[in-house]
PDB file of all heavy atoms in Angstrom:
ATOM      1  N   GLU A   1      31.139 145.899 195.851  1.00  0.00           N
ATOM      2  CA  GLU A   1      32.430 145.570 195.248  1.00  0.00           C
ATOM      3  C   GLU A   1      32.512 144.107 194.837  1.00  0.00           C
ATOM      4  O   GLU A   1      33.581 143.635 194.442  1.00  0.00           O
ATOM      5  CB  GLU A   1      33.559 145.902 196.227  1.00  0.00           C
ATOM      6  CG  GLU A   1      33.767 147.392 196.450  1.00  0.00           C
ATOM      7  CD  GLU A   1      34.281 148.122 195.216  1.00  0.00           C
ATOM      8  OE1 GLU A   1      34.900 147.472 194.347  1.00  0.00           O
ATOM      9  OE2 GLU A   1      34.027 149.339 195.109  1.00  0.00           O
ATOM     10  N   ALA A   2      31.395 143.376 194.934  1.00  0.00           N
ATOM     11  CA  ALA A   2      31.400 141.964 194.523  1.00  0.00           C
ATOM     12  C   ALA A   2      31.782 141.839 193.056  1.00  0.00           C
ATOM     13  O   ALA A   2      32.500 140.917 192.661  1.00  0.00           O
ATOM     14  CB  ALA A   2      30.025 141.343 194.779  1.00  0.00           C
ATOM     15  N   GLN A   3      31.271 142.764 192.217  1.00  0.00           N
ATOM     16  CA  GLN A   3      31.681 142.854 190.823  1.00  0.00           C
ATOM     17  C   GLN A   3      32.169 144.290 190.594  1.00  0.00           C
ATOM     18  O   GLN A   3      31.380 145.163 190.218  1.00  0.00           O
ATOM     19  CB  GLN A   3      30.520 142.542 189.879  1.00  0.00           C
ATOM     20  CG  GLN A   3      30.153 141.061 189.799  1.00  0.00           C
ATOM     21  CD  GLN A   3      29.051 140.825 188.768  1.00  0.00           C
ATOM     22  OE1 GLN A   3      27.871 140.954 189.065  1.00  0.00           O
ATOM     23  NE2 GLN A   3      29.456 140.508 187.553  1.00  0.00           N
ATOM     24  N   PRO A   4      33.445 144.541 190.822  1.00  0.00           N
ATOM     25  CA  PRO A   4      33.954 145.919 190.763  1.00  0.00           C
ATOM     26  C   PRO A   4      33.633 146.642 189.459  1.00  0.00           C
ATOM     27  O   PRO A   4      33.386 147.854 189.473  1.00  0.00           O
ATOM     28  CB  PRO A   4      35.468 145.736 190.946  1.00  0.00           C
ATOM     29  CG  PRO A   4      35.600 144.467 191.715  1.00  0.00           C
ATOM     30  CD  PRO A   4      34.487 143.587 191.219  1.00  0.00           C
ATOM     31  N   VAL A   5      33.608 145.918 188.334  1.00  0.00           N
ATOM     32  CA  VAL A   5      33.379 146.582 187.051  1.00  0.00           C
ATOM     33  C   VAL A   5      31.995 147.231 186.986  1.00  0.00           C
ATOM     34  O   VAL A   5      31.793 148.224 186.285  1.00  0.00           O
ATOM     35  CB  VAL A   5      33.582 145.588 185.876  1.00  0.00           C
ATOM     36  CG1 VAL A   5      32.426 144.582 185.799  1.00  0.00           C
ATOM     37  CG2 VAL A   5      33.750 146.319 184.555  1.00  0.00           C
ATOM     38  N   LEU A   6      31.031 146.701 187.761  1.00  0.00           N
ATOM     39  CA  LEU A   6      29.680 147.268 187.752  1.00  0.00           C
ATOM     40  C   LEU A   6      29.572 148.545 188.582  1.00  0.00           C
ATOM     41  O   LEU A   6      28.528 149.199 188.569  1.00  0.00           O
ATOM     42  CB  LEU A   6      28.660 146.239 188.241  1.00  0.00           C
ATOM     43  CG  LEU A   6      28.471 144.994 187.380  1.00  0.00           C
ATOM     44  CD1 LEU A   6      27.330 144.141 187.911  1.00  0.00           C
ATOM     45  CD2 LEU A   6      28.226 145.363 185.912  1.00  0.00           C
ATOM     46  N   THR A   7      30.645 148.915 189.288  1.00  0.00           N
ATOM     47  CA  THR A   7      30.647 150.199 189.990  1.00  0.00           C
ATOM     48  C   THR A   7      30.991 151.340 189.026  1.00  0.00           C
ATOM     49  O   THR A   7      31.049 152.497 189.442  1.00  0.00           O
ATOM     50  CB  THR A   7      31.645 150.204 191.161  1.00  0.00           C
ATOM     51  OG1 THR A   7      32.984 150.035 190.653  1.00  0.00           O
ATOM     52  CG2 THR A   7      31.335 149.086 192.145  1.00  0.00           C
ATOM     53  N   GLY A   8      31.220 151.009 187.764  1.00  0.00           N
ATOM     54  CA  GLY A   8      31.557 152.009 186.748  1.00  0.00           C
ATOM     55  C   GLY A   8      30.515 152.098 185.656  1.00  0.00           C
ATOM     56  O   GLY A   8      29.572 151.303 185.591  1.00  0.00           O
ATOM     57  N   VAL A   9      30.683 153.091 184.799  1.00  0.00           N
ATOM     58  CA  VAL A   9      29.813 153.297 183.643  1.00  0.00           C
ATOM     59  C   VAL A   9      30.607 152.942 182.393  1.00  0.00           C
ATOM     60  O   VAL A   9      31.735 153.399 182.210  1.00  0.00           O
ATOM     61  CB  VAL A   9      29.314 154.747 183.553  1.00  0.00           C
ATOM     62  CG1 VAL A   9      28.372 154.919 182.360  1.00  0.00           C
ATOM     63  CG2 VAL A   9      28.608 155.153 184.845  1.00  0.00           C
ATOM     64  N   ASN A  10      30.023 152.108 181.549  1.00  0.00           N
ATOM     65  CA  ASN A  10      30.669 151.688 180.306  1.00  0.00           C
ATOM     66  C   ASN A  10      30.480 152.770 179.238  1.00  0.00           C
ATOM     67  O   ASN A  10      29.358 153.118 178.880  1.00  0.00           O
ATOM     68  CB  ASN A  10      30.049 150.371 179.841  1.00  0.00           C
ATOM     69  CG  ASN A  10      30.742 149.764 178.631  1.00  0.00           C
ATOM     70  OD1 ASN A  10      30.143 149.042 177.856  1.00  0.00           O
ATOM     71  ND2 ASN A  10      32.017 150.047 178.445  1.00  0.00           N
ATOM     72  N   TRP A  11      31.615 153.337 178.780  1.00  0.00           N
ATOM     73  CA  TRP A  11      31.585 154.329 177.703  1.00  0.00           C
ATOM     74  C   TRP A  11      32.110 153.675 176.431  1.00  0.00           C
ATOM     75  O   TRP A  11      33.240 153.179 176.400  1.00  0.00           O
ATOM     76  CB  TRP A  11      32.469 155.525 178.057  1.00  0.00           C
ATOM     77  CG  TRP A  11      31.815 156.510 178.982  1.00  0.00           C
ATOM     78  CD1 TRP A  11      30.951 156.247 179.998  1.00  0.00           C
ATOM     79  CD2 TRP A  11      32.007 157.921 178.980  1.00  0.00           C
ATOM     80  NE1 TRP A  11      30.582 157.401 180.633  1.00  0.00           N
ATOM     81  CE2 TRP A  11      31.210 158.440 180.031  1.00  0.00           C
ATOM     82  CE3 TRP A  11      32.763 158.800 178.204  1.00  0.00           C
ATOM     83  CZ2 TRP A  11      31.159 159.811 180.321  1.00  0.00           C
ATOM     84  CZ3 TRP A  11      32.716 160.160 178.496  1.00  0.00           C
ATOM     85  CH2 TRP A  11      31.916 160.652 179.538  1.00  0.00           C
ATOM     86  N   GLU A  12      31.300 153.686 175.411  1.00  0.00           N
ATOM     87  CA  GLU A  12      31.686 153.107 174.125  1.00  0.00           C
ATOM     88  C   GLU A  12      31.493 154.152 173.037  1.00  0.00           C
ATOM     89  O   GLU A  12      30.397 154.713 172.884  1.00  0.00           O
ATOM     90  CB  GLU A  12      30.835 151.871 173.834  1.00  0.00           C
ATOM     91  CG  GLU A  12      31.291 151.089 172.622  1.00  0.00           C
ATOM     92  CD  GLU A  12      30.557 149.767 172.455  1.00  0.00           C
ATOM     93  OE1 GLU A  12      29.723 149.434 173.330  1.00  0.00           O
ATOM     94  OE2 GLU A  12      30.816 149.071 171.459  1.00  0.00           O
ATOM     95  N   ILE A  13      32.574 154.435 172.305  1.00  0.00           N
ATOM     96  CA  ILE A  13      32.515 155.422 171.225  1.00  0.00           C
ATOM     97  C   ILE A  13      32.833 154.750 169.906  1.00  0.00           C
ATOM     98  O   ILE A  13      33.810 154.012 169.783  1.00  0.00           O
ATOM     99  CB  ILE A  13      33.500 156.583 171.464  1.00  0.00           C
ATOM    100  CG1 ILE A  13      33.089 157.388 172.695  1.00  0.00           C
ATOM    101  CG2 ILE A  13      33.565 157.504 170.244  1.00  0.00           C
ATOM    102  CD1 ILE A  13      33.984 158.572 172.996  1.00  0.00           C
ATOM    103  N   SER A  14      31.981 155.001 168.936  1.00  0.00           N
ATOM    104  CA  SER A  14      32.190 154.463 167.588  1.00  0.00           C
ATOM    105  C   SER A  14      31.526 155.395 166.587  1.00  0.00           C
ATOM    106  O   SER A  14      30.354 155.757 166.748  1.00  0.00           O
ATOM    107  CB  SER A  14      31.600 153.051 167.469  1.00  0.00           C
ATOM    108  OG  SER A  14      31.788 152.541 166.173  1.00  0.00           O
ATOM    109  N   GLU A  15      32.294 155.825 165.602  1.00  0.00           N
ATOM    110  CA  GLU A  15      31.784 156.662 164.511  1.00  0.00           C
ATOM    111  C   GLU A  15      31.045 157.902 165.018  1.00  0.00           C
ATOM    112  O   GLU A  15      29.954 158.249 164.549  1.00  0.00           O
ATOM    113  CB  GLU A  15      30.873 155.839 163.591  1.00  0.00           C
ATOM    114  CG  GLU A  15      31.600 154.679 162.922  1.00  0.00           C
ATOM    115  CD  GLU A  15      30.685 153.847 162.045  1.00  0.00           C
ATOM    116  OE1 GLU A  15      29.460 154.065 162.095  1.00  0.00           O
ATOM    117  OE2 GLU A  15      31.195 153.000 161.298  1.00  0.00           O
ATOM    118  N   GLY A  16      31.654 158.556 166.003  1.00  0.00           N
ATOM    119  CA  GLY A  16      31.098 159.813 166.486  1.00  0.00           C
ATOM    120  C   GLY A  16      29.925 159.684 167.431  1.00  0.00           C
ATOM    121  O   GLY A  16      29.310 160.683 167.813  1.00  0.00           O
ATOM    122  N   SER A  17      29.606 158.468 167.862  1.00  0.00           N
ATOM    123  CA  SER A  17      28.496 158.254 168.788  1.00  0.00           C
ATOM    124  C   SER A  17      29.024 157.692 170.104  1.00  0.00           C
ATOM    125  O   SER A  17      29.796 156.730 170.115  1.00  0.00           O
ATOM    126  CB  SER A  17      27.476 157.282 168.185  1.00  0.00           C
ATOM    127  OG  SER A  17      26.438 157.022 169.104  1.00  0.00           O
ATOM    128  N   LEU A  18      28.622 158.310 171.201  1.00  0.00           N
ATOM    129  CA  LEU A  18      28.995 157.854 172.530  1.00  0.00           C
ATOM    130  C   LEU A  18      27.794 157.176 173.170  1.00  0.00           C
ATOM    131  O   LEU A  18      26.720 157.767 173.294  1.00  0.00           O
ATOM    132  CB  LEU A  18      29.439 159.039 173.402  1.00  0.00           C
ATOM    133  CG  LEU A  18      29.557 158.798 174.908  1.00  0.00           C
ATOM    134  CD1 LEU A  18      30.644 157.771 175.215  1.00  0.00           C
ATOM    135  CD2 LEU A  18      29.824 160.110 175.652  1.00  0.00           C
ATOM    136  N   SER A  19      27.988 155.930 173.587  1.00  0.00           N
ATOM    137  CA  SER A  19      26.944 155.180 174.284  1.00  0.00           C
ATOM    138  C   SER A  19      27.417 154.901 175.704  1.00  0.00           C
ATOM    139  O   SER A  19      28.484 154.317 175.907  1.00  0.00           O
ATOM    140  CB  SER A  19      26.648 153.859 173.562  1.00  0.00           C
ATOM    141  OG  SER A  19      25.741 153.078 174.298  1.00  0.00           O
ATOM    142  N   CYS A  20      26.625 155.333 176.693  1.00  0.00           N
ATOM    143  CA  CYS A  20      26.978 155.151 178.099  1.00  0.00           C
ATOM    144  C   CYS A  20      25.960 154.237 178.766  1.00  0.00           C
ATOM    145  O   CYS A  20      24.750 154.479 178.650  1.00  0.00           O
ATOM    146  CB  CYS A  20      27.009 156.490 178.821  1.00  0.00           C
ATOM    147  SG  CYS A  20      28.201 157.661 178.148  1.00  0.00           S
ATOM    148  N   VAL A  21      26.444 153.208 179.461  1.00  0.00           N
ATOM    149  CA  VAL A  21      25.563 152.233 180.089  1.00  0.00           C
ATOM    150  C   VAL A  21      26.033 151.969 181.514  1.00  0.00           C
ATOM    151  O   VAL A  21      27.226 151.784 181.762  1.00  0.00           O
ATOM    152  CB  VAL A  21      25.534 150.897 179.312  1.00  0.00           C
ATOM    153  CG1 VAL A  21      24.668 149.867 180.035  1.00  0.00           C
ATOM    154  CG2 VAL A  21      25.025 151.112 177.896  1.00  0.00           C
ATOM    155  N   ALA A  22      25.070 151.936 182.444  1.00  0.00           N
ATOM    156  CA  ALA A  22      25.356 151.568 183.831  1.00  0.00           C
ATOM    157  C   ALA A  22      24.321 150.549 184.280  1.00  0.00           C
ATOM    158  O   ALA A  22      23.140 150.661 183.930  1.00  0.00           O
ATOM    159  CB  ALA A  22      25.306 152.797 184.737  1.00  0.00           C
ATOM    160  N   THR A  23      24.761 149.558 185.036  1.00  0.00           N
ATOM    161  CA  THR A  23      23.832 148.578 185.598  1.00  0.00           C
ATOM    162  C   THR A  23      24.378 148.034 186.906  1.00  0.00           C
ATOM    163  O   THR A  23      25.594 147.926 187.086  1.00  0.00           O
ATOM    164  CB  THR A  23      23.566 147.411 184.619  1.00  0.00           C
ATOM    165  OG1 THR A  23      22.611 146.524 185.204  1.00  0.00           O
ATOM    166  CG2 THR A  23      24.835 146.638 184.314  1.00  0.00           C
ATOM    167  N   ASP A  24      23.470 147.712 187.818  1.00  0.00           N
ATOM    168  CA  ASP A  24      23.867 147.049 189.058  1.00  0.00           C
ATOM    169  C   ASP A  24      23.346 145.613 189.109  1.00  0.00           C
ATOM    170  O   ASP A  24      23.401 144.958 190.153  1.00  0.00           O
ATOM    171  CB  ASP A  24      23.383 147.834 190.279  1.00  0.00           C
ATOM    172  CG  ASP A  24      21.866 147.966 190.329  1.00  0.00           C
ATOM    173  OD1 ASP A  24      21.171 147.378 189.469  1.00  0.00           O
ATOM    174  OD2 ASP A  24      21.359 148.655 191.234  1.00  0.00           O
ATOM    175  N   GLY A  25      22.832 145.122 187.981  1.00  0.00           N
ATOM    176  CA  GLY A  25      22.287 143.772 187.910  1.00  0.00           C
ATOM    177  C   GLY A  25      20.791 143.711 188.139  1.00  0.00           C
ATOM    178  O   GLY A  25      20.151 142.706 187.832  1.00  0.00           O
ATOM    179  N   HIS A  26      20.209 144.805 188.657  1.00  0.00           N
ATOM    180  CA  HIS A  26      18.764 144.861 188.901  1.00  0.00           C
ATOM    181  C   HIS A  26      18.080 145.913 188.041  1.00  0.00           C
ATOM    182  O   HIS A  26      16.869 145.886 187.870  1.00  0.00           O
ATOM    183  CB  HIS A  26      18.486 145.165 190.371  1.00  0.00           C
ATOM    184  CG  HIS A  26      19.097 144.176 191.315  1.00  0.00           C
ATOM    185  ND1 HIS A  26      18.589 142.907 191.487  1.00  0.00           N
ATOM    186  CD2 HIS A  26      20.192 144.264 192.110  1.00  0.00           C
ATOM    187  CE1 HIS A  26      19.339 142.254 192.371  1.00  0.00           C
ATOM    188  NE2 HIS A  26      20.308 143.049 192.761  1.00  0.00           N
ATOM    189  N   ARG A  27      18.867 146.832 187.522  1.00  0.00           N
ATOM    190  CA  ARG A  27      18.350 147.889 186.651  1.00  0.00           C
ATOM    191  C   ARG A  27      19.465 148.312 185.710  1.00  0.00           C
ATOM    192  O   ARG A  27      20.653 147.995 185.934  1.00  0.00           O
ATOM    193  CB  ARG A  27      17.885 149.083 187.487  1.00  0.00           C
ATOM    194  CG  ARG A  27      18.992 149.633 188.377  1.00  0.00           C
ATOM    195  CD  ARG A  27      18.533 150.819 189.163  1.00  0.00           C
ATOM    196  NE  ARG A  27      19.486 151.150 190.224  1.00  0.00           N
ATOM    197  CZ  ARG A  27      19.373 152.197 191.018  1.00  0.00           C
ATOM    198  NH1 ARG A  27      18.373 153.042 190.854  1.00  0.00           N
ATOM    199  NH2 ARG A  27      20.265 152.423 191.966  1.00  0.00           N
ATOM    200  N   LEU A  28      19.097 149.061 184.693  1.00  0.00           N
ATOM    201  CA  LEU A  28      20.074 149.513 183.698  1.00  0.00           C
ATOM    202  C   LEU A  28      19.663 150.900 183.227  1.00  0.00           C
ATOM    203  O   LEU A  28      18.468 151.185 183.050  1.00  0.00           O
ATOM    204  CB  LEU A  28      20.119 148.534 182.528  1.00  0.00           C
ATOM    205  CG  LEU A  28      21.044 148.840 181.349  1.00  0.00           C
ATOM    206  CD1 LEU A  28      21.598 147.539 180.752  1.00  0.00           C
ATOM    207  CD2 LEU A  28      20.323 149.635 180.259  1.00  0.00           C
ATOM    208  N   ALA A  29      20.651 151.770 183.038  1.00  0.00           N
ATOM    209  CA  ALA A  29      20.410 153.106 182.506  1.00  0.00           C
ATOM    210  C   ALA A  29      21.371 153.349 181.356  1.00  0.00           C
ATOM    211  O   ALA A  29      22.564 153.036 181.465  1.00  0.00           O
ATOM    212  CB  ALA A  29      20.618 154.168 183.597  1.00  0.00           C
ATOM    213  N   SER A  30      20.856 153.871 180.251  1.00  0.00           N
ATOM    214  CA  SER A  30      21.731 154.135 179.120  1.00  0.00           C
ATOM    215  C   SER A  30      21.359 155.447 178.445  1.00  0.00           C
ATOM    216  O   SER A  30      20.205 155.885 178.491  1.00  0.00           O
ATOM    217  CB  SER A  30      21.687 152.999 178.096  1.00  0.00           C
ATOM    218  OG  SER A  30      20.486 153.029 177.346  1.00  0.00           O
ATOM    219  N   ARG A  31      22.364 156.066 177.838  1.00  0.00           N
ATOM    220  CA  ARG A  31      22.173 157.313 177.089  1.00  0.00           C
ATOM    221  C   ARG A  31      23.156 157.331 175.936  1.00  0.00           C
ATOM    222  O   ARG A  31      24.340 157.005 176.109  1.00  0.00           O
ATOM    223  CB  ARG A  31      22.403 158.533 177.996  1.00  0.00           C
ATOM    224  CG  ARG A  31      22.338 159.880 177.272  1.00  0.00           C
ATOM    225  CD  ARG A  31      20.917 160.250 176.897  1.00  0.00           C
ATOM    226  NE  ARG A  31      20.863 161.334 175.927  1.00  0.00           N
ATOM    227  CZ  ARG A  31      20.815 162.638 176.215  1.00  0.00           C
ATOM    228  NH1 ARG A  31      20.844 163.009 177.483  1.00  0.00           N
ATOM    229  NH2 ARG A  31      20.734 163.533 175.261  1.00  0.00           N
ATOM    230  N   SER A  32      22.683 157.714 174.769  1.00  0.00           N
ATOM    231  CA  SER A  32      23.535 157.826 173.588  1.00  0.00           C
ATOM    232  C   SER A  32      23.536 159.266 173.103  1.00  0.00           C
ATOM    233  O   SER A  32      22.484 159.906 173.036  1.00  0.00           O
ATOM    234  CB  SER A  32      23.032 156.907 172.473  1.00  0.00           C
ATOM    235  OG  SER A  32      23.079 155.555 172.872  1.00  0.00           O
ATOM    236  N   VAL A  33      24.725 159.784 172.770  1.00  0.00           N
ATOM    237  CA  VAL A  33      24.858 161.159 172.284  1.00  0.00           C
ATOM    238  C   VAL A  33      25.944 161.182 171.209  1.00  0.00           C
ATOM    239  O   VAL A  33      26.748 160.251 171.084  1.00  0.00           O
ATOM    240  CB  VAL A  33      25.240 162.139 173.411  1.00  0.00           C
ATOM    241  CG1 VAL A  33      24.142 162.234 174.444  1.00  0.00           C
ATOM    242  CG2 VAL A  33      26.558 161.745 174.064  1.00  0.00           C
TER     243      VAL A  33
END
């Protein structure tokens, strides 16, 4: 909980594309659909 926002997944939608990104500062995972 040191950085509460990093406990979530960032969802960004633009022009029919959804980009999801998660990171804990040591790794990152992303998927676009």
